[in-house]
Amino acid sequence: MNILEQIRNRFVDKIGIMEKSAKRVYIAVEKEEARELVCYLFRDLGARFSIATGVDTRPGIEILYHMAFDANDLMLTVRVLVRKPELEMPTFSDFMPAAEWIEREIHEMFGVKFIGHPNLQTLLLPDDWPEGVYPLRKGTFESEKENEEREN
């Protein structure tokens, strides 16, 4: 059974799979199921965690976990939407240590709080950077309070 069949069988109606090509696949999953899926890919199927990226969308921050299956020449990206305004997501750093620094970066740049993360301290921005200002969010350099005031 190939990798995608194993994933489909295990997660049946919890995921949406989009095959861009034989070598590039995207899997959409709800935040509540993301940890189980990524852990399965990493631990059980032997995927290599390449990197995670974040994108600010209107409804929330989309986090993309890029997982490589090198022996199969497959890059699989798990897409998770962390909805605004509750930008919280469980950490993956406890079972996938390489996620620790990129989760810190996503936290700092987008304001996503990774629950259970061992160290969400400043990584890239200067120590005097204003709290609540996230440089990669739409409406750059505006705090959440300013965004809320504008919307009301």
N, C-alpha and C. Protein backbone atom coordinates (compact mmCIF):
# COMPACT_ATOMS: atom_id res chain seq x y z
N MET A 1 0.84 -1.17 0.00
CA MET A 1 0.00 0.00 0.00
C MET A 1 0.90 1.25 0.00
N ASN A 2 0.59 2.20 -0.89
CA ASN A 2 1.43 3.40 -0.95
C ASN A 2 1.09 4.38 0.17
N ILE A 3 1.89 5.41 0.28
CA ILE A 3 1.77 6.37 1.38
C ILE A 3 0.39 7.03 1.42
N LEU A 4 -0.09 7.52 0.29
CA LEU A 4 -1.39 8.20 0.28
C LEU A 4 -2.53 7.26 0.65
N GLU A 5 -2.46 6.01 0.21
CA GLU A 5 -3.49 5.04 0.59
C GLU A 5 -3.49 4.81 2.09
N GLN A 6 -2.31 4.72 2.68
CA GLN A 6 -2.21 4.54 4.13
C GLN A 6 -2.82 5.73 4.87
N ILE A 7 -2.55 6.93 4.39
CA ILE A 7 -3.09 8.14 5.03
C ILE A 7 -4.61 8.17 4.87
N ARG A 8 -5.09 7.91 3.65
CA ARG A 8 -6.55 7.90 3.42
C ARG A 8 -7.25 6.88 4.31
N ASN A 9 -6.68 5.69 4.41
CA ASN A 9 -7.29 4.63 5.22
C ASN A 9 -7.35 5.01 6.70
N ARG A 10 -6.33 5.65 7.18
CA ARG A 10 -6.26 5.98 8.61
C ARG A 10 -7.14 7.18 8.96
N PHE A 11 -7.19 8.18 8.07
CA PHE A 11 -7.87 9.43 8.41
C PHE A 11 -9.18 9.64 7.64
N VAL A 12 -9.58 8.69 6.87
CA VAL A 12 -10.81 8.62 6.09
C VAL A 12 -11.45 9.97 5.81
N ASP A 13 -12.39 10.43 6.65
CA ASP A 13 -13.14 11.65 6.38
C ASP A 13 -12.63 12.86 7.16
N LYS A 14 -11.45 12.77 7.75
CA LYS A 14 -10.88 13.87 8.53
C LYS A 14 -9.98 14.78 7.70
N ILE A 15 -9.68 14.39 6.47
CA ILE A 15 -8.72 15.14 5.66
C ILE A 15 -9.25 15.36 4.25
N GLY A 16 -8.67 16.33 3.59
CA GLY A 16 -8.90 16.55 2.17
C GLY A 16 -7.56 16.49 1.46
N ILE A 17 -7.46 15.66 0.44
CA ILE A 17 -6.19 15.49 -0.26
C ILE A 17 -6.28 16.11 -1.65
N MET A 18 -5.27 16.93 -1.98
CA MET A 18 -5.17 17.51 -3.31
C MET A 18 -3.82 17.10 -3.89
N GLU A 19 -3.86 16.32 -4.94
CA GLU A 19 -2.63 15.87 -5.59
C GLU A 19 -2.31 16.80 -6.75
N LYS A 20 -1.33 17.69 -6.52
CA LYS A 20 -0.91 18.60 -7.59
C LYS A 20 -0.15 17.85 -8.67
N SER A 21 0.63 16.86 -8.24
CA SER A 21 1.37 16.00 -9.16
C SER A 21 1.72 14.74 -8.39
N ALA A 22 2.40 13.83 -9.04
CA ALA A 22 2.82 12.60 -8.37
C ALA A 22 3.83 12.86 -7.27
N LYS A 23 4.48 14.02 -7.33
CA LYS A 23 5.52 14.35 -6.36
C LYS A 23 5.13 15.44 -5.37
N ARG A 24 3.94 16.02 -5.54
CA ARG A 24 3.52 17.15 -4.69
C ARG A 24 2.08 16.98 -4.28
N VAL A 25 1.86 16.81 -2.97
CA VAL A 25 0.52 16.55 -2.45
C VAL A 25 0.25 17.48 -1.27
N TYR A 26 -0.98 18.00 -1.21
CA TYR A 26 -1.42 18.84 -0.10
C TYR A 26 -2.54 18.11 0.64
N ILE A 27 -2.48 18.16 1.96
CA ILE A 27 -3.53 17.57 2.79
C ILE A 27 -4.06 18.66 3.70
N ALA A 28 -5.34 18.96 3.57
CA ALA A 28 -6.00 19.92 4.46
C ALA A 28 -6.59 19.14 5.63
N VAL A 29 -6.38 19.69 6.82
CA VAL A 29 -6.87 19.04 8.04
C VAL A 29 -7.25 20.12 9.04
N GLU A 30 -8.25 19.83 9.85
CA GLU A 30 -8.63 20.75 10.91
C GLU A 30 -7.55 20.78 11.99
N LYS A 31 -7.47 21.89 12.67
CA LYS A 31 -6.47 22.09 13.71
C LYS A 31 -6.51 20.96 14.75
N GLU A 32 -7.71 20.50 15.09
CA GLU A 32 -7.87 19.47 16.11
C GLU A 32 -7.30 18.12 15.70
N GLU A 33 -7.17 17.88 14.42
CA GLU A 33 -6.66 16.60 13.89
C GLU A 33 -5.21 16.69 13.41
N ALA A 34 -4.68 17.90 13.33
CA ALA A 34 -3.37 18.12 12.72
C ALA A 34 -2.24 17.41 13.45
N ARG A 35 -2.26 17.46 14.76
CA ARG A 35 -1.19 16.84 15.55
C ARG A 35 -1.13 15.34 15.31
N GLU A 36 -2.28 14.69 15.32
CA GLU A 36 -2.33 13.24 15.09
C GLU A 36 -1.81 12.90 13.69
N LEU A 37 -2.21 13.69 12.69
CA LEU A 37 -1.79 13.43 11.32
C LEU A 37 -0.28 13.62 11.16
N VAL A 38 0.25 14.74 11.62
CA VAL A 38 1.69 15.01 11.45
C VAL A 38 2.51 14.00 12.23
N CYS A 39 2.06 13.64 13.42
CA CYS A 39 2.77 12.63 14.21
C CYS A 39 2.79 11.29 13.46
N TYR A 40 1.68 10.92 12.86
CA TYR A 40 1.60 9.69 12.07
C TYR A 40 2.57 9.73 10.89
N LEU A 41 2.59 10.85 10.18
CA LEU A 41 3.50 10.98 9.04
C LEU A 41 4.96 10.86 9.49
N PHE A 42 5.28 11.52 10.58
CA PHE A 42 6.65 11.59 11.07
C PHE A 42 7.10 10.27 11.72
N ARG A 43 6.33 9.79 12.66
CA ARG A 43 6.74 8.61 13.42
C ARG A 43 6.46 7.29 12.71
N ASP A 44 5.26 7.16 12.19
CA ASP A 44 4.85 5.87 11.63
C ASP A 44 5.26 5.67 10.18
N LEU A 45 5.16 6.74 9.39
CA LEU A 45 5.48 6.61 7.97
C LEU A 45 6.90 7.07 7.63
N GLY A 46 7.59 7.65 8.59
CA GLY A 46 8.99 8.02 8.37
C GLY A 46 9.23 9.27 7.55
N ALA A 47 8.27 10.19 7.55
CA ALA A 47 8.47 11.44 6.82
C ALA A 47 9.55 12.27 7.52
N ARG A 48 10.25 13.05 6.73
CA ARG A 48 11.23 14.00 7.25
C ARG A 48 10.58 15.38 7.28
N PHE A 49 10.61 16.01 8.45
CA PHE A 49 10.09 17.37 8.57
C PHE A 49 11.06 18.31 7.88
N SER A 50 10.60 18.97 6.82
CA SER A 50 11.44 19.89 6.07
C SER A 50 11.39 21.29 6.69
N ILE A 51 10.19 21.84 6.80
CA ILE A 51 10.00 23.19 7.36
C ILE A 51 8.51 23.41 7.52
N ALA A 52 8.15 24.43 8.25
CA ALA A 52 6.76 24.90 8.31
C ALA A 52 6.77 26.35 7.87
N THR A 53 5.69 26.77 7.25
CA THR A 53 5.55 28.15 6.82
C THR A 53 4.18 28.66 7.27
N GLY A 54 4.04 29.96 7.32
CA GLY A 54 2.77 30.57 7.70
C GLY A 54 2.34 31.59 6.68
N VAL A 55 1.02 31.71 6.53
CA VAL A 55 0.43 32.68 5.61
C VAL A 55 -0.77 33.30 6.31
N ASP A 56 -0.85 34.61 6.32
CA ASP A 56 -2.01 35.29 6.89
C ASP A 56 -3.11 35.32 5.84
N THR A 57 -4.22 34.68 6.16
CA THR A 57 -5.40 34.70 5.29
C THR A 57 -6.48 35.47 6.02
N ARG A 58 -7.54 35.81 5.36
CA ARG A 58 -8.62 36.57 6.02
C ARG A 58 -9.15 35.85 7.27
N PRO A 59 -9.48 34.55 7.18
CA PRO A 59 -10.04 33.90 8.38
C PRO A 59 -9.03 33.52 9.46
N GLY A 60 -7.75 33.46 9.13
CA GLY A 60 -6.77 33.05 10.13
C GLY A 60 -5.37 32.93 9.56
N ILE A 61 -4.52 32.27 10.32
CA ILE A 61 -3.15 32.00 9.87
C ILE A 61 -3.12 30.56 9.39
N GLU A 62 -2.73 30.36 8.14
CA GLU A 62 -2.59 29.00 7.62
C GLU A 62 -1.14 28.58 7.86
N ILE A 63 -1.00 27.46 8.54
CA ILE A 63 0.33 26.89 8.76
C ILE A 63 0.46 25.69 7.86
N LEU A 64 1.58 25.66 7.14
CA LEU A 64 1.84 24.57 6.21
C LEU A 64 3.06 23.80 6.70
N TYR A 65 2.86 22.53 7.01
CA TYR A 65 3.95 21.66 7.46
C TYR A 65 4.41 20.85 6.26
N HIS A 66 5.63 21.09 5.81
CA HIS A 66 6.16 20.45 4.62
C HIS A 66 6.94 19.20 5.05
N MET A 67 6.42 18.04 4.66
CA MET A 67 6.97 16.75 5.07
C MET A 67 7.50 16.02 3.82
N ALA A 68 8.74 15.58 3.88
CA ALA A 68 9.37 14.93 2.73
C ALA A 68 9.45 13.42 2.94
N PHE A 69 9.09 12.70 1.91
CA PHE A 69 9.30 11.26 1.83
C PHE A 69 10.38 11.06 0.77
N ASP A 70 11.62 11.16 1.20
CA ASP A 70 12.74 11.19 0.27
C ASP A 70 12.84 9.94 -0.60
N ALA A 71 12.63 8.77 -0.02
CA ALA A 71 12.74 7.52 -0.78
C ALA A 71 11.68 7.42 -1.87
N ASN A 72 10.56 8.14 -1.68
CA ASN A 72 9.47 8.11 -2.65
C ASN A 72 9.43 9.35 -3.55
N ASP A 73 10.39 10.26 -3.33
CA ASP A 73 10.44 11.50 -4.09
C ASP A 73 9.10 12.25 -3.99
N LEU A 74 8.58 12.35 -2.75
CA LEU A 74 7.28 12.96 -2.51
C LEU A 74 7.40 14.06 -1.47
N MET A 75 6.84 15.22 -1.77
CA MET A 75 6.72 16.30 -0.79
C MET A 75 5.24 16.44 -0.47
N LEU A 76 4.93 16.25 0.80
CA LEU A 76 3.55 16.31 1.27
C LEU A 76 3.43 17.49 2.21
N THR A 77 2.47 18.37 1.94
CA THR A 77 2.27 19.55 2.77
C THR A 77 0.95 19.43 3.50
N VAL A 78 1.00 19.52 4.82
CA VAL A 78 -0.19 19.49 5.65
C VAL A 78 -0.61 20.94 5.89
N ARG A 79 -1.85 21.26 5.48
CA ARG A 79 -2.38 22.62 5.59
C ARG A 79 -3.34 22.70 6.77
N VAL A 80 -3.04 23.62 7.69
CA VAL A 80 -3.86 23.78 8.90
C VAL A 80 -4.23 25.25 9.03
N LEU A 81 -5.52 25.54 9.13
CA LEU A 81 -5.96 26.91 9.34
C LEU A 81 -6.19 27.13 10.83
N VAL A 82 -5.45 28.08 11.40
CA VAL A 82 -5.63 28.46 12.79
C VAL A 82 -6.46 29.75 12.75
N ARG A 83 -7.73 29.62 13.12
CA ARG A 83 -8.68 30.71 12.95
C ARG A 83 -8.48 31.87 13.91
N LYS A 84 -8.69 33.07 13.38
CA LYS A 84 -8.65 34.29 14.19
C LYS A 84 -9.96 34.38 14.97
N PRO A 85 -10.01 34.99 16.11
CA PRO A 85 -8.91 35.63 16.80
C PRO A 85 -8.16 34.68 17.74
N GLU A 86 -8.65 33.45 17.94
CA GLU A 86 -7.99 32.50 18.86
C GLU A 86 -6.85 31.81 18.14
N LEU A 87 -5.74 32.45 18.03
CA LEU A 87 -4.60 31.91 17.29
C LEU A 87 -3.77 30.99 18.18
N GLU A 88 -4.35 29.82 18.47
CA GLU A 88 -3.66 28.83 19.29
C GLU A 88 -3.65 27.50 18.56
N MET A 89 -2.54 26.81 18.74
CA MET A 89 -2.30 25.54 18.05
C MET A 89 -1.41 24.70 18.94
N PRO A 90 -1.64 23.39 19.04
CA PRO A 90 -0.72 22.57 19.84
C PRO A 90 0.66 22.51 19.19
N THR A 91 1.69 22.47 20.02
CA THR A 91 3.04 22.36 19.50
C THR A 91 3.27 20.95 18.94
N PHE A 92 4.18 20.87 17.99
CA PHE A 92 4.63 19.57 17.48
C PHE A 92 6.07 19.31 17.92
N SER A 93 6.63 20.25 18.66
CA SER A 93 8.04 20.17 19.02
C SER A 93 8.35 19.03 20.00
N ASP A 94 7.34 18.53 20.71
CA ASP A 94 7.60 17.45 21.66
C ASP A 94 7.88 16.13 20.97
N PHE A 95 7.28 15.89 19.81
CA PHE A 95 7.58 14.65 19.07
C PHE A 95 8.43 14.89 17.83
N MET A 96 8.58 16.15 17.45
CA MET A 96 9.35 16.52 16.26
C MET A 96 10.21 17.72 16.63
N PRO A 97 11.35 17.50 17.31
CA PRO A 97 12.15 18.60 17.86
C PRO A 97 12.55 19.67 16.85
N ALA A 98 12.68 19.32 15.60
CA ALA A 98 13.07 20.32 14.59
C ALA A 98 12.01 21.40 14.41
N ALA A 99 10.79 21.17 14.90
CA ALA A 99 9.73 22.17 14.78
C ALA A 99 9.87 23.30 15.81
N GLU A 100 10.72 23.12 16.80
CA GLU A 100 10.80 24.09 17.89
C GLU A 100 11.11 25.51 17.41
N TRP A 101 12.14 25.69 16.61
CA TRP A 101 12.54 27.03 16.20
C TRP A 101 11.55 27.65 15.21
N ILE A 102 11.02 26.87 14.29
CA ILE A 102 10.09 27.45 13.31
C ILE A 102 8.78 27.81 13.99
N GLU A 103 8.37 27.06 15.00
CA GLU A 103 7.18 27.46 15.76
C GLU A 103 7.43 28.78 16.49
N ARG A 104 8.62 28.95 17.00
CA ARG A 104 8.98 30.24 17.63
C ARG A 104 8.88 31.37 16.61
N GLU A 105 9.40 31.13 15.42
CA GLU A 105 9.37 32.16 14.38
C GLU A 105 7.93 32.48 13.97
N ILE A 106 7.10 31.46 13.77
CA ILE A 106 5.70 31.69 13.40
C ILE A 106 4.98 32.44 14.52
N HIS A 107 5.28 32.08 15.76
CA HIS A 107 4.69 32.79 16.90
C HIS A 107 5.08 34.27 16.86
N GLU A 108 6.32 34.54 16.64
CA GLU A 108 6.83 35.91 16.64
C GLU A 108 6.33 36.73 15.45
N MET A 109 6.26 36.12 14.28
CA MET A 109 5.90 36.85 13.07
C MET A 109 4.39 36.97 12.86
N PHE A 110 3.61 35.97 13.36
CA PHE A 110 2.17 35.94 13.12
C PHE A 110 1.32 35.98 14.39
N GLY A 111 1.92 35.70 15.55
CA GLY A 111 1.17 35.71 16.79
C GLY A 111 0.46 34.42 17.14
N VAL A 112 0.82 33.32 16.49
CA VAL A 112 0.22 32.02 16.83
C VAL A 112 0.88 31.50 18.10
N LYS A 113 0.06 31.16 19.07
CA LYS A 113 0.59 30.59 20.32
C LYS A 113 0.56 29.08 20.21
N PHE A 114 1.73 28.46 20.32
CA PHE A 114 1.85 27.00 20.25
C PHE A 114 1.77 26.44 21.66
N ILE A 115 0.62 25.88 21.99
CA ILE A 115 0.36 25.37 23.33
C ILE A 115 1.30 24.19 23.62
N GLY A 116 1.98 24.28 24.76
CA GLY A 116 2.91 23.22 25.17
C GLY A 116 4.32 23.42 24.67
N HIS A 117 4.56 24.49 23.91
CA HIS A 117 5.92 24.75 23.41
C HIS A 117 6.84 25.07 24.58
N PRO A 118 8.06 24.54 24.58
CA PRO A 118 8.94 24.75 25.73
C PRO A 118 9.55 26.15 25.85
N ASN A 119 9.52 26.95 24.75
CA ASN A 119 10.24 28.22 24.82
C ASN A 119 9.78 29.17 23.70
N LEU A 120 8.68 29.86 23.91
CA LEU A 120 8.20 30.80 22.89
C LEU A 120 8.79 32.20 23.09
N GLN A 121 10.06 32.26 23.35
CA GLN A 121 10.76 33.53 23.54
C GLN A 121 11.13 34.15 22.19
N THR A 122 11.45 35.43 22.24
CA THR A 122 11.87 36.17 21.05
C THR A 122 13.04 35.47 20.37
N LEU A 123 12.96 35.37 19.06
CA LEU A 123 14.00 34.71 18.28
C LEU A 123 14.62 35.67 17.27
N LEU A 124 13.80 36.42 16.56
CA LEU A 124 14.28 37.26 15.47
C LEU A 124 14.16 38.77 15.72
N LEU A 125 13.10 39.18 16.36
CA LEU A 125 12.84 40.61 16.53
C LEU A 125 13.66 41.19 17.68
N PRO A 126 13.93 42.49 17.63
CA PRO A 126 14.68 43.11 18.73
C PRO A 126 13.88 43.04 20.04
N ASP A 127 14.58 43.09 21.14
CA ASP A 127 13.96 42.97 22.46
C ASP A 127 12.93 44.08 22.73
N ASP A 128 13.11 45.23 22.10
CA ASP A 128 12.19 46.35 22.34
C ASP A 128 11.03 46.39 21.33
N TRP A 129 10.83 45.31 20.57
CA TRP A 129 9.74 45.26 19.61
C TRP A 129 8.41 45.35 20.35
N PRO A 130 7.45 46.14 19.89
CA PRO A 130 6.18 46.32 20.60
C PRO A 130 5.38 45.01 20.70
N GLU A 131 4.86 44.74 21.87
CA GLU A 131 4.05 43.55 22.09
C GLU A 131 2.75 43.64 21.30
N GLY A 132 2.33 42.53 20.73
CA GLY A 132 1.08 42.50 19.97
C GLY A 132 1.21 42.99 18.54
N VAL A 133 2.41 43.26 18.09
CA VAL A 133 2.64 43.70 16.70
C VAL A 133 3.37 42.56 15.99
N TYR A 134 2.76 42.06 14.92
CA TYR A 134 3.28 40.88 14.21
C TYR A 134 3.59 41.26 12.77
N PRO A 135 4.87 41.30 12.41
CA PRO A 135 5.29 41.86 11.13
C PRO A 135 4.79 41.15 9.88
N LEU A 136 4.39 39.90 9.94
CA LEU A 136 3.94 39.22 8.73
C LEU A 136 2.43 39.08 8.64
N ARG A 137 1.73 39.72 9.55
CA ARG A 137 0.27 39.72 9.45
C ARG A 137 -0.17 40.80 8.48
N LYS A 138 -1.32 40.58 7.84
CA LYS A 138 -1.89 41.62 6.99
C LYS A 138 -2.14 42.84 7.84
N GLY A 139 -1.96 44.00 7.29
CA GLY A 139 -2.04 45.21 8.11
C GLY A 139 -0.77 45.33 8.92
N THR A 140 0.36 45.07 8.27
CA THR A 140 1.67 45.03 8.91
C THR A 140 1.87 46.16 9.91
N PHE A 141 2.49 45.82 11.02
CA PHE A 141 2.86 46.75 12.08
C PHE A 141 1.66 47.35 12.80
N GLU A 142 0.52 46.70 12.73
CA GLU A 142 -0.63 47.15 13.49
C GLU A 142 -0.91 46.11 14.57
N SER A 143 -1.27 46.57 15.71
CA SER A 143 -1.57 45.65 16.80
C SER A 143 -2.98 45.11 16.62
N GLU A 144 -3.27 44.04 17.31
CA GLU A 144 -4.61 43.46 17.27
C GLU A 144 -5.64 44.47 17.75
N LYS A 145 -5.29 45.25 18.77
CA LYS A 145 -6.22 46.24 19.30
C LYS A 145 -6.57 47.27 18.22
N GLU A 146 -5.57 47.75 17.48
CA GLU A 146 -5.84 48.72 16.42
C GLU A 146 -6.72 48.11 15.32
N ASN A 147 -6.47 46.84 14.97
CA ASN A 147 -7.30 46.16 13.98
C ASN A 147 -8.74 46.05 14.44
N GLU A 148 -8.93 45.67 15.71
CA GLU A 148 -10.28 45.53 16.27
C GLU A 148 -10.99 46.87 16.28
N GLU A 149 -10.32 47.94 16.66
CA GLU A 149 -10.92 49.27 16.72
C GLU A 149 -11.37 49.71 15.33
N ARG A 150 -10.58 49.42 14.31
CA ARG A 150 -10.92 49.79 12.94
C ARG A 150 -12.15 49.04 12.46
N GLU A 151 -12.25 47.74 12.85
CA GLU A 151 -13.38 46.91 12.40
C GLU A 151 -14.68 47.30 13.08
N ASN A 152 -14.61 47.87 14.28
CA ASN A 152 -15.85 48.25 15.01
C ASN A 152 -16.33 49.63 14.67
